[in-house]
Amino acid sequence: MNIPMLLTITRIVAIPVLVVIMLTPFPGQEIVAFAVFIFACLTDMLDGFWARRKKMTTVLGSLLDPMADKLLIASALICLVESHGVASWMAIIIIGREIAVTGFRAIAASRGFNIPASGLGKLKMTLETITIAILILGPDHLGIVFQLAQTAGLWLIVALALFSAIEYFARFGSRVLSENSSS
């Protein structure tokens, strides 16, 4: 068990904590949920940085890290749908893209082909993190500028989710899904 793996496991453990906080009304709920979400996001930044810098990457870590990211984002989005902070159709598109691209990358991996994260995918993840953090705080804690950022951020995430999925399938679809690519 190395430090990056410990950080990834910490992020996974933080997810149910975040869900309980987001779905249980109490004074200061939004602030506590925001803090837990930011903490989880920081563990993501730290584990990747630490693993690359100290050359501590592992097969298990390379599988768990992106899954932890997807679980964190999906869990927060589902809770925000419940609290009416995000339209359900937007959450479905964003989460559906994650499932589709993850499945596509798994097919590629089973055929010995690695698909790296794209620039659009990384931009989408960064924008998701920022927008979801702002959404978790909610309208009571933010001014009109941040409320506009929430709306614009959600629309941009949906667009980036669609465009980055199309990019993955257009760039790698023929190589991954061709009959001759199986090992």
N, C-alpha and C. Protein backbone atom coordinates (compact mmCIF):
# COMPACT_ATOMS: atom_id res chain seq x y z
N MET A 1 0.87 -1.18 0.00
CA MET A 1 0.00 0.00 0.00
C MET A 1 0.90 1.23 0.00
N ASN A 2 0.86 1.99 -1.09
CA ASN A 2 1.66 3.20 -1.16
C ASN A 2 0.77 4.43 -0.95
N ILE A 3 1.38 5.60 -0.87
CA ILE A 3 0.65 6.84 -0.57
C ILE A 3 -0.39 7.16 -1.65
N PRO A 4 -0.07 7.08 -2.95
CA PRO A 4 -1.12 7.36 -3.94
C PRO A 4 -2.33 6.43 -3.80
N MET A 5 -2.08 5.15 -3.52
CA MET A 5 -3.20 4.20 -3.35
C MET A 5 -4.01 4.57 -2.11
N LEU A 6 -3.35 4.96 -1.04
CA LEU A 6 -4.03 5.37 0.18
C LEU A 6 -4.91 6.61 -0.08
N LEU A 7 -4.40 7.54 -0.88
CA LEU A 7 -5.19 8.73 -1.24
C LEU A 7 -6.41 8.35 -2.07
N THR A 8 -6.24 7.42 -3.00
CA THR A 8 -7.37 6.97 -3.82
C THR A 8 -8.42 6.29 -2.94
N ILE A 9 -8.00 5.44 -2.04
CA ILE A 9 -8.94 4.76 -1.13
C ILE A 9 -9.64 5.78 -0.23
N THR A 10 -8.90 6.80 0.21
CA THR A 10 -9.51 7.86 1.01
C THR A 10 -10.62 8.55 0.22
N ARG A 11 -10.37 8.81 -1.08
CA ARG A 11 -11.39 9.43 -1.92
C ARG A 11 -12.61 8.53 -2.05
N ILE A 12 -12.39 7.24 -2.21
CA ILE A 12 -13.52 6.30 -2.32
C ILE A 12 -14.34 6.29 -1.02
N VAL A 13 -13.66 6.32 0.11
CA VAL A 13 -14.36 6.34 1.40
C VAL A 13 -15.11 7.67 1.59
N ALA A 14 -14.58 8.75 1.04
CA ALA A 14 -15.23 10.06 1.17
C ALA A 14 -16.55 10.13 0.40
N ILE A 15 -16.72 9.30 -0.61
CA ILE A 15 -17.92 9.36 -1.46
C ILE A 15 -19.20 9.09 -0.68
N PRO A 16 -19.31 7.99 0.06
CA PRO A 16 -20.57 7.81 0.83
C PRO A 16 -20.76 8.88 1.91
N VAL A 17 -19.66 9.37 2.45
CA VAL A 17 -19.76 10.46 3.43
C VAL A 17 -20.38 11.68 2.75
N LEU A 18 -19.89 12.01 1.55
CA LEU A 18 -20.44 13.14 0.80
C LEU A 18 -21.92 12.94 0.51
N VAL A 19 -22.29 11.75 0.09
CA VAL A 19 -23.70 11.47 -0.24
C VAL A 19 -24.59 11.67 0.98
N VAL A 20 -24.19 11.12 2.11
CA VAL A 20 -24.99 11.27 3.34
C VAL A 20 -25.13 12.75 3.69
N ILE A 21 -24.05 13.49 3.61
CA ILE A 21 -24.10 14.92 3.94
C ILE A 21 -25.00 15.67 2.97
N MET A 22 -24.87 15.38 1.67
CA MET A 22 -25.67 16.10 0.68
C MET A 22 -27.16 15.79 0.79
N LEU A 23 -27.50 14.60 1.29
CA LEU A 23 -28.91 14.21 1.34
C LEU A 23 -29.54 14.34 2.72
N THR A 24 -28.77 14.82 3.70
CA THR A 24 -29.29 14.99 5.05
C THR A 24 -29.30 16.47 5.40
N PRO A 25 -30.47 17.09 5.43
CA PRO A 25 -30.53 18.52 5.74
C PRO A 25 -30.10 18.81 7.19
N PHE A 26 -29.21 19.78 7.34
CA PHE A 26 -28.82 20.30 8.65
C PHE A 26 -28.17 21.66 8.43
N PRO A 27 -28.13 22.50 9.45
CA PRO A 27 -27.52 23.82 9.28
C PRO A 27 -26.05 23.69 8.85
N GLY A 28 -25.70 24.39 7.80
CA GLY A 28 -24.32 24.34 7.31
C GLY A 28 -24.03 23.17 6.39
N GLN A 29 -25.07 22.45 6.01
CA GLN A 29 -24.93 21.26 5.17
C GLN A 29 -24.12 21.54 3.91
N GLU A 30 -24.43 22.63 3.22
CA GLU A 30 -23.76 22.93 1.95
C GLU A 30 -22.26 23.17 2.16
N ILE A 31 -21.92 23.86 3.24
CA ILE A 31 -20.50 24.14 3.52
C ILE A 31 -19.75 22.85 3.82
N VAL A 32 -20.34 21.98 4.61
CA VAL A 32 -19.68 20.71 4.95
C VAL A 32 -19.55 19.83 3.70
N ALA A 33 -20.62 19.75 2.90
CA ALA A 33 -20.56 18.96 1.67
C ALA A 33 -19.50 19.53 0.71
N PHE A 34 -19.45 20.84 0.60
CA PHE A 34 -18.44 21.50 -0.24
C PHE A 34 -17.03 21.11 0.24
N ALA A 35 -16.81 21.15 1.54
CA ALA A 35 -15.49 20.83 2.10
C ALA A 35 -15.11 19.37 1.81
N VAL A 36 -16.06 18.46 1.97
CA VAL A 36 -15.79 17.04 1.70
C VAL A 36 -15.50 16.84 0.21
N PHE A 37 -16.27 17.49 -0.65
CA PHE A 37 -16.06 17.37 -2.10
C PHE A 37 -14.68 17.91 -2.48
N ILE A 38 -14.33 19.08 -1.98
CA ILE A 38 -13.01 19.66 -2.28
C ILE A 38 -11.90 18.76 -1.75
N PHE A 39 -12.07 18.23 -0.54
CA PHE A 39 -11.09 17.30 0.01
C PHE A 39 -10.90 16.11 -0.93
N ALA A 40 -12.00 15.52 -1.39
CA ALA A 40 -11.92 14.37 -2.29
C ALA A 40 -11.22 14.75 -3.60
N CYS A 41 -11.52 15.93 -4.11
CA CYS A 41 -10.87 16.39 -5.35
C CYS A 41 -9.37 16.60 -5.13
N LEU A 42 -9.01 17.11 -3.97
CA LEU A 42 -7.58 17.31 -3.67
C LEU A 42 -6.84 15.97 -3.58
N THR A 43 -7.50 14.94 -3.04
CA THR A 43 -6.84 13.63 -3.00
C THR A 43 -6.58 13.12 -4.41
N ASP A 44 -7.47 13.46 -5.35
CA ASP A 44 -7.26 13.07 -6.74
C ASP A 44 -6.03 13.76 -7.32
N MET A 45 -5.92 15.05 -7.10
CA MET A 45 -4.76 15.79 -7.60
C MET A 45 -3.47 15.27 -6.97
N LEU A 46 -3.51 15.04 -5.66
CA LEU A 46 -2.32 14.61 -4.95
C LEU A 46 -1.89 13.19 -5.32
N ASP A 47 -2.84 12.27 -5.47
CA ASP A 47 -2.42 10.90 -5.77
C ASP A 47 -1.79 10.80 -7.14
N GLY A 48 -2.34 11.52 -8.12
CA GLY A 48 -1.75 11.51 -9.45
C GLY A 48 -0.37 12.14 -9.46
N PHE A 49 -0.25 13.27 -8.81
CA PHE A 49 1.04 13.97 -8.73
C PHE A 49 2.08 13.09 -8.04
N TRP A 50 1.70 12.53 -6.90
CA TRP A 50 2.63 11.72 -6.12
C TRP A 50 3.04 10.46 -6.89
N ALA A 51 2.07 9.80 -7.51
CA ALA A 51 2.36 8.55 -8.23
C ALA A 51 3.32 8.80 -9.39
N ARG A 52 3.10 9.88 -10.14
CA ARG A 52 3.98 10.17 -11.28
C ARG A 52 5.35 10.64 -10.81
N ARG A 53 5.36 11.53 -9.86
CA ARG A 53 6.63 12.11 -9.40
C ARG A 53 7.54 11.10 -8.72
N LYS A 54 6.95 10.23 -7.91
CA LYS A 54 7.72 9.23 -7.17
C LYS A 54 7.77 7.89 -7.89
N LYS A 55 7.20 7.85 -9.10
CA LYS A 55 7.16 6.61 -9.89
C LYS A 55 6.55 5.45 -9.08
N MET A 56 5.39 5.73 -8.52
CA MET A 56 4.69 4.75 -7.69
C MET A 56 3.39 4.29 -8.34
N THR A 57 3.33 4.31 -9.65
CA THR A 57 2.11 3.87 -10.32
C THR A 57 2.00 2.35 -10.24
N THR A 58 0.78 1.89 -10.03
CA THR A 58 0.51 0.45 -9.98
C THR A 58 -0.68 0.15 -10.88
N VAL A 59 -0.83 -1.11 -11.26
CA VAL A 59 -1.96 -1.51 -12.09
C VAL A 59 -3.27 -1.26 -11.34
N LEU A 60 -3.29 -1.66 -10.06
CA LEU A 60 -4.50 -1.45 -9.27
C LEU A 60 -4.82 0.04 -9.14
N GLY A 61 -3.81 0.85 -8.90
CA GLY A 61 -4.01 2.30 -8.80
C GLY A 61 -4.52 2.90 -10.10
N SER A 62 -3.98 2.42 -11.22
CA SER A 62 -4.42 2.97 -12.51
C SER A 62 -5.85 2.55 -12.84
N LEU A 63 -6.34 1.50 -12.21
CA LEU A 63 -7.75 1.11 -12.39
C LEU A 63 -8.66 1.82 -11.39
N LEU A 64 -8.21 1.88 -10.12
CA LEU A 64 -9.06 2.47 -9.08
C LEU A 64 -9.19 3.99 -9.19
N ASP A 65 -8.12 4.67 -9.56
CA ASP A 65 -8.14 6.13 -9.59
C ASP A 65 -9.23 6.68 -10.51
N PRO A 66 -9.29 6.28 -11.77
CA PRO A 66 -10.37 6.83 -12.61
C PRO A 66 -11.76 6.39 -12.17
N MET A 67 -11.86 5.18 -11.59
CA MET A 67 -13.17 4.74 -11.10
C MET A 67 -13.61 5.61 -9.91
N ALA A 68 -12.66 5.93 -9.04
CA ALA A 68 -12.98 6.80 -7.89
C ALA A 68 -13.44 8.16 -8.39
N ASP A 69 -12.78 8.69 -9.41
CA ASP A 69 -13.17 9.98 -9.99
C ASP A 69 -14.60 9.92 -10.52
N LYS A 70 -14.91 8.88 -11.27
CA LYS A 70 -16.23 8.76 -11.87
C LYS A 70 -17.31 8.57 -10.79
N LEU A 71 -17.00 7.78 -9.77
CA LEU A 71 -17.96 7.59 -8.67
C LEU A 71 -18.21 8.89 -7.93
N LEU A 72 -17.16 9.67 -7.71
CA LEU A 72 -17.31 10.95 -7.01
C LEU A 72 -18.21 11.89 -7.81
N ILE A 73 -17.93 12.04 -9.09
CA ILE A 73 -18.72 12.95 -9.94
C ILE A 73 -20.16 12.45 -10.06
N ALA A 74 -20.33 11.15 -10.34
CA ALA A 74 -21.69 10.60 -10.50
C ALA A 74 -22.50 10.73 -9.21
N SER A 75 -21.87 10.43 -8.08
CA SER A 75 -22.57 10.53 -6.79
C SER A 75 -23.01 11.96 -6.51
N ALA A 76 -22.10 12.91 -6.72
CA ALA A 76 -22.45 14.32 -6.49
C ALA A 76 -23.57 14.76 -7.44
N LEU A 77 -23.48 14.36 -8.70
CA LEU A 77 -24.53 14.75 -9.66
C LEU A 77 -25.89 14.17 -9.27
N ILE A 78 -25.91 12.90 -8.88
CA ILE A 78 -27.18 12.28 -8.50
C ILE A 78 -27.78 12.98 -7.28
N CYS A 79 -26.93 13.32 -6.31
CA CYS A 79 -27.42 14.06 -5.15
C CYS A 79 -27.93 15.44 -5.55
N LEU A 80 -27.25 16.08 -6.50
CA LEU A 80 -27.70 17.40 -6.97
C LEU A 80 -29.00 17.30 -7.75
N VAL A 81 -29.24 16.20 -8.44
CA VAL A 81 -30.54 15.98 -9.10
C VAL A 81 -31.62 15.88 -8.02
N GLU A 82 -31.34 15.13 -6.98
CA GLU A 82 -32.30 14.97 -5.88
C GLU A 82 -32.67 16.30 -5.24
N SER A 83 -31.66 17.18 -5.11
CA SER A 83 -31.91 18.49 -4.48
C SER A 83 -32.31 19.56 -5.49
N HIS A 84 -32.56 19.16 -6.73
CA HIS A 84 -33.00 20.04 -7.81
C HIS A 84 -31.93 21.05 -8.24
N GLY A 85 -30.66 20.72 -7.99
CA GLY A 85 -29.57 21.60 -8.42
C GLY A 85 -29.12 21.32 -9.84
N VAL A 86 -29.45 20.14 -10.35
CA VAL A 86 -29.07 19.73 -11.71
C VAL A 86 -30.27 19.05 -12.34
N ALA A 87 -30.53 19.38 -13.59
CA ALA A 87 -31.60 18.70 -14.33
C ALA A 87 -31.21 17.24 -14.55
N SER A 88 -32.17 16.34 -14.38
CA SER A 88 -31.86 14.91 -14.50
C SER A 88 -31.31 14.55 -15.87
N TRP A 89 -31.82 15.18 -16.93
CA TRP A 89 -31.35 14.83 -18.27
C TRP A 89 -29.87 15.20 -18.44
N MET A 90 -29.44 16.28 -17.78
CA MET A 90 -28.03 16.66 -17.86
C MET A 90 -27.16 15.62 -17.15
N ALA A 91 -27.60 15.21 -15.97
CA ALA A 91 -26.85 14.19 -15.22
C ALA A 91 -26.78 12.89 -16.01
N ILE A 92 -27.87 12.52 -16.67
CA ILE A 92 -27.89 11.28 -17.46
C ILE A 92 -26.88 11.36 -18.60
N ILE A 93 -26.80 12.48 -19.28
CA ILE A 93 -25.84 12.63 -20.38
C ILE A 93 -24.41 12.55 -19.84
N ILE A 94 -24.14 13.26 -18.76
CA ILE A 94 -22.78 13.30 -18.21
C ILE A 94 -22.37 11.91 -17.70
N ILE A 95 -23.23 11.28 -16.92
CA ILE A 95 -22.90 9.95 -16.37
C ILE A 95 -22.89 8.90 -17.48
N GLY A 96 -23.82 9.01 -18.40
CA GLY A 96 -23.86 8.08 -19.54
C GLY A 96 -22.60 8.13 -20.37
N ARG A 97 -22.07 9.32 -20.56
CA ARG A 97 -20.81 9.47 -21.30
C ARG A 97 -19.70 8.75 -20.56
N GLU A 98 -19.66 8.89 -19.24
CA GLU A 98 -18.61 8.23 -18.45
C GLU A 98 -18.68 6.72 -18.59
N ILE A 99 -19.88 6.18 -18.53
CA ILE A 99 -20.06 4.73 -18.67
C ILE A 99 -19.65 4.28 -20.07
N ALA A 100 -20.09 5.01 -21.09
CA ALA A 100 -19.78 4.64 -22.47
C ALA A 100 -18.27 4.69 -22.74
N VAL A 101 -17.62 5.76 -22.34
CA VAL A 101 -16.19 5.90 -22.60
C VAL A 101 -15.39 4.90 -21.77
N THR A 102 -15.80 4.66 -20.53
CA THR A 102 -15.11 3.67 -19.70
C THR A 102 -15.24 2.28 -20.32
N GLY A 103 -16.43 1.93 -20.77
CA GLY A 103 -16.63 0.64 -21.44
C GLY A 103 -15.80 0.53 -22.71
N PHE A 104 -15.75 1.59 -23.48
CA PHE A 104 -14.97 1.62 -24.71
C PHE A 104 -13.49 1.43 -24.41
N ARG A 105 -13.01 2.13 -23.38
CA ARG A 105 -11.59 1.99 -23.00
C ARG A 105 -11.30 0.59 -22.47
N ALA A 106 -12.28 -0.03 -21.79
CA ALA A 106 -12.09 -1.40 -21.30
C ALA A 106 -11.99 -2.38 -22.46
N ILE A 107 -12.82 -2.20 -23.47
CA ILE A 107 -12.73 -3.04 -24.67
C ILE A 107 -11.35 -2.87 -25.30
N ALA A 108 -10.91 -1.63 -25.42
CA ALA A 108 -9.59 -1.36 -25.99
C ALA A 108 -8.50 -2.06 -25.17
N ALA A 109 -8.57 -1.93 -23.85
CA ALA A 109 -7.56 -2.55 -22.98
C ALA A 109 -7.56 -4.06 -23.12
N SER A 110 -8.74 -4.65 -23.26
CA SER A 110 -8.81 -6.12 -23.40
C SER A 110 -8.19 -6.58 -24.71
N ARG A 111 -8.05 -5.66 -25.64
CA ARG A 111 -7.43 -5.96 -26.93
C ARG A 111 -6.00 -5.44 -27.02
N GLY A 112 -5.47 -5.05 -25.85
CA GLY A 112 -4.07 -4.61 -25.79
C GLY A 112 -3.84 -3.20 -26.30
N PHE A 113 -4.87 -2.38 -26.31
CA PHE A 113 -4.78 -1.04 -26.86
C PHE A 113 -5.12 -0.03 -25.77
N ASN A 114 -4.20 0.87 -25.46
CA ASN A 114 -4.43 1.88 -24.43
C ASN A 114 -4.94 3.16 -25.05
N ILE A 115 -6.02 3.69 -24.51
CA ILE A 115 -6.55 4.97 -24.98
C ILE A 115 -6.28 6.00 -23.89
N PRO A 116 -5.38 6.94 -24.17
CA PRO A 116 -5.09 7.96 -23.16
C PRO A 116 -6.24 8.96 -23.04
N ALA A 117 -6.27 9.64 -21.90
CA ALA A 117 -7.27 10.68 -21.70
C ALA A 117 -7.03 11.79 -22.72
N SER A 118 -8.09 12.29 -23.30
CA SER A 118 -7.96 13.37 -24.29
C SER A 118 -7.96 14.73 -23.61
N GLY A 119 -7.53 15.73 -24.34
CA GLY A 119 -7.55 17.09 -23.82
C GLY A 119 -8.97 17.54 -23.49
N LEU A 120 -9.92 17.18 -24.36
CA LEU A 120 -11.33 17.53 -24.08
C LEU A 120 -11.83 16.82 -22.83
N GLY A 121 -11.44 15.57 -22.65
CA GLY A 121 -11.85 14.83 -21.46
C GLY A 121 -11.29 15.44 -20.19
N LYS A 122 -10.03 15.88 -20.24
CA LYS A 122 -9.42 16.52 -19.07
C LYS A 122 -10.07 17.86 -18.78
N LEU A 123 -10.37 18.63 -19.84
CA LEU A 123 -11.06 19.90 -19.67
C LEU A 123 -12.44 19.68 -19.06
N LYS A 124 -13.15 18.65 -19.53
CA LYS A 124 -14.47 18.32 -18.99
C LYS A 124 -14.38 18.01 -17.51
N MET A 125 -13.40 17.20 -17.12
CA MET A 125 -13.25 16.82 -15.71
C MET A 125 -12.95 18.04 -14.84
N THR A 126 -12.09 18.93 -15.32
CA THR A 126 -11.78 20.14 -14.56
C THR A 126 -13.02 21.00 -14.40
N LEU A 127 -13.75 21.20 -15.48
CA LEU A 127 -14.97 22.00 -15.44
C LEU A 127 -16.03 21.34 -14.56
N GLU A 128 -16.13 20.01 -14.61
CA GLU A 128 -17.08 19.29 -13.75
C GLU A 128 -16.78 19.56 -12.28
N THR A 129 -15.51 19.44 -11.93
CA THR A 129 -15.11 19.63 -10.54
C THR A 129 -15.46 21.03 -10.05
N ILE A 130 -15.12 22.03 -10.83
CA ILE A 130 -15.39 23.41 -10.43
C ILE A 130 -16.89 23.67 -10.35
N THR A 131 -17.61 23.25 -11.38
CA THR A 131 -19.06 23.51 -11.44
C THR A 131 -19.79 22.77 -10.32
N ILE A 132 -19.45 21.51 -10.10
CA ILE A 132 -20.12 20.74 -9.05
C ILE A 132 -19.83 21.36 -7.68
N ALA A 133 -18.61 21.81 -7.47
CA ALA A 133 -18.29 22.46 -6.18
C ALA A 133 -19.18 23.69 -5.98
N ILE A 134 -19.34 24.49 -7.03
CA ILE A 134 -20.19 25.68 -6.95
C ILE A 134 -21.65 25.28 -6.73
N LEU A 135 -22.09 24.22 -7.42
CA LEU A 135 -23.47 23.76 -7.26
C LEU A 135 -23.74 23.24 -5.85
N ILE A 136 -22.75 22.57 -5.27
CA ILE A 136 -22.92 22.04 -3.91
C ILE A 136 -23.15 23.18 -2.92
N LEU A 137 -22.43 24.28 -3.10
CA LEU A 137 -22.63 25.42 -2.20
C LEU A 137 -24.05 25.96 -2.29
N GLY A 138 -24.64 25.89 -3.47
CA GLY A 138 -26.02 26.30 -3.63
C GLY A 138 -26.21 27.80 -3.76
N PRO A 139 -27.40 28.20 -4.17
CA PRO A 139 -27.67 29.61 -4.45
C PRO A 139 -27.64 30.51 -3.21
N ASP A 140 -27.87 29.95 -2.03
CA ASP A 140 -27.91 30.78 -0.83
C ASP A 140 -26.54 31.34 -0.44
N HIS A 141 -25.48 30.67 -0.87
CA HIS A 141 -24.12 31.08 -0.48
C HIS A 141 -23.38 31.85 -1.56
N LEU A 142 -24.02 32.01 -2.70
CA LEU A 142 -23.31 32.61 -3.83
C LEU A 142 -24.10 33.75 -4.44
N GLY A 143 -23.41 34.67 -5.03
CA GLY A 143 -24.05 35.78 -5.72
C GLY A 143 -24.51 35.38 -7.10
N ILE A 144 -25.08 36.32 -7.80
CA ILE A 144 -25.64 36.09 -9.13
C ILE A 144 -24.56 35.65 -10.13
N VAL A 145 -23.35 36.14 -9.98
CA VAL A 145 -22.28 35.76 -10.90
C VAL A 145 -22.02 34.26 -10.81
N PHE A 146 -21.98 33.72 -9.59
CA PHE A 146 -21.75 32.29 -9.43
C PHE A 146 -22.95 31.48 -9.89
N GLN A 147 -24.14 32.03 -9.73
CA GLN A 147 -25.31 31.32 -10.23
C GLN A 147 -25.28 31.22 -11.75
N LEU A 148 -24.82 32.27 -12.40
CA LEU A 148 -24.65 32.21 -13.85
C LEU A 148 -23.55 31.22 -14.22
N ALA A 149 -22.48 31.16 -13.41
CA ALA A 149 -21.39 30.21 -13.65
C ALA A 149 -21.90 28.77 -13.52
N GLN A 150 -22.82 28.53 -12.58
CA GLN A 150 -23.40 27.19 -12.43
C GLN A 150 -24.11 26.77 -13.71
N THR A 151 -24.95 27.64 -14.20
CA THR A 151 -25.73 27.33 -15.40
C THR A 151 -24.82 27.16 -16.61
N ALA A 152 -23.93 28.12 -16.81
CA ALA A 152 -23.00 28.03 -17.95
C ALA A 152 -22.12 26.80 -17.83
N GLY A 153 -21.64 26.52 -16.62
CA GLY A 153 -20.79 25.36 -16.39
C GLY A 153 -21.49 24.06 -16.74
N LEU A 154 -22.75 23.93 -16.33
CA LEU A 154 -23.50 22.71 -16.64
C LEU A 154 -23.67 22.52 -18.15
N TRP A 155 -24.02 23.58 -18.83
CA TRP A 155 -24.18 23.48 -20.28
C TRP A 155 -22.86 23.14 -20.97
N LEU A 156 -21.78 23.73 -20.51
CA LEU A 156 -20.47 23.42 -21.08
C LEU A 156 -20.07 21.98 -20.80
N ILE A 157 -20.36 21.49 -19.60
CA ILE A 157 -20.04 20.10 -19.27
C ILE A 157 -20.80 19.14 -20.19
N VAL A 158 -22.09 19.40 -20.38
CA VAL A 158 -22.89 18.55 -21.27
C VAL A 158 -22.29 18.56 -22.67
N ALA A 159 -21.95 19.75 -23.17
CA ALA A 159 -21.36 19.85 -24.51
C ALA A 159 -20.02 19.12 -24.58
N LEU A 160 -19.16 19.35 -23.59
CA LEU A 160 -17.86 18.67 -23.57
C LEU A 160 -18.01 17.17 -23.42
N ALA A 161 -18.99 16.72 -22.64
CA ALA A 161 -19.22 15.28 -22.49
C ALA A 161 -19.56 14.67 -23.84
N LEU A 162 -20.45 15.32 -24.57
CA LEU A 162 -20.84 14.80 -25.89
C LEU A 162 -19.68 14.87 -26.88
N PHE A 163 -19.02 16.02 -26.96
CA PHE A 163 -17.93 16.17 -27.92
C PHE A 163 -16.75 15.27 -27.61
N SER A 164 -16.41 15.13 -26.33
CA SER A 164 -15.26 14.27 -26.00
C SER A 164 -15.58 12.80 -26.25
N ALA A 165 -16.83 12.38 -26.02
CA ALA A 165 -17.22 11.00 -26.34
C ALA A 165 -17.13 10.77 -27.84
N ILE A 166 -17.64 11.71 -28.61
CA ILE A 166 -17.55 11.60 -30.07
C ILE A 166 -16.09 11.53 -30.50
N GLU A 167 -15.24 12.35 -29.87
CA GLU A 167 -13.81 12.35 -30.20
C GLU A 167 -13.18 10.97 -29.95
N TYR A 168 -13.46 10.37 -28.79
CA TYR A 168 -12.92 9.05 -28.48
C TYR A 168 -13.35 8.03 -29.52
N PHE A 169 -14.64 7.99 -29.81
CA PHE A 169 -15.15 7.00 -30.74
C PHE A 169 -14.66 7.26 -32.17
N ALA A 170 -14.57 8.51 -32.57
CA ALA A 170 -14.10 8.83 -33.93
C ALA A 170 -12.61 8.51 -34.08
N ARG A 171 -11.81 8.85 -33.09
CA ARG A 171 -10.36 8.63 -33.18
C ARG A 171 -9.97 7.17 -33.04
N PHE A 172 -10.66 6.43 -32.17
CA PHE A 172 -10.21 5.08 -31.85
C PHE A 172 -11.20 3.98 -32.19
N GLY A 173 -12.41 4.34 -32.61
CA GLY A 173 -13.45 3.35 -32.85
C GLY A 173 -13.08 2.27 -33.83
N SER A 174 -12.54 2.65 -34.98
CA SER A 174 -12.22 1.64 -35.99
C SER A 174 -11.13 0.70 -35.52
N ARG A 175 -10.15 1.22 -34.77
CA ARG A 175 -9.06 0.36 -34.27
C ARG A 175 -9.53 -0.57 -33.17
N VAL A 176 -10.36 -0.06 -32.28
CA VAL A 176 -10.79 -0.84 -31.12
C VAL A 176 -11.87 -1.86 -31.50
N LEU A 177 -12.78 -1.47 -32.34
CA LEU A 177 -13.94 -2.31 -32.62
C LEU A 177 -13.80 -3.20 -33.85
N SER A 178 -12.68 -3.10 -34.55
CA SER A 178 -12.51 -3.93 -35.74
C SER A 178 -12.33 -5.39 -35.33
N GLU A 179 -12.75 -6.27 -36.18
CA GLU A 179 -12.68 -7.72 -35.92
C GLU A 179 -11.23 -8.19 -35.75
N ASN A 180 -10.29 -7.55 -36.42
CA ASN A 180 -8.89 -7.99 -36.41
C ASN A 180 -8.13 -7.48 -35.20
N SER A 181 -8.74 -6.67 -34.34
CA SER A 181 -7.99 -6.09 -33.24
C SER A 181 -7.94 -6.98 -32.00
N SER A 182 -8.66 -8.11 -32.01
CA SER A 182 -8.62 -8.96 -30.81
C SER A 182 -7.29 -9.68 -30.73
N SER A 183 -6.81 -9.85 -29.47
CA SER A 183 -5.51 -10.47 -29.27
C SER A 183 -5.60 -11.97 -29.21
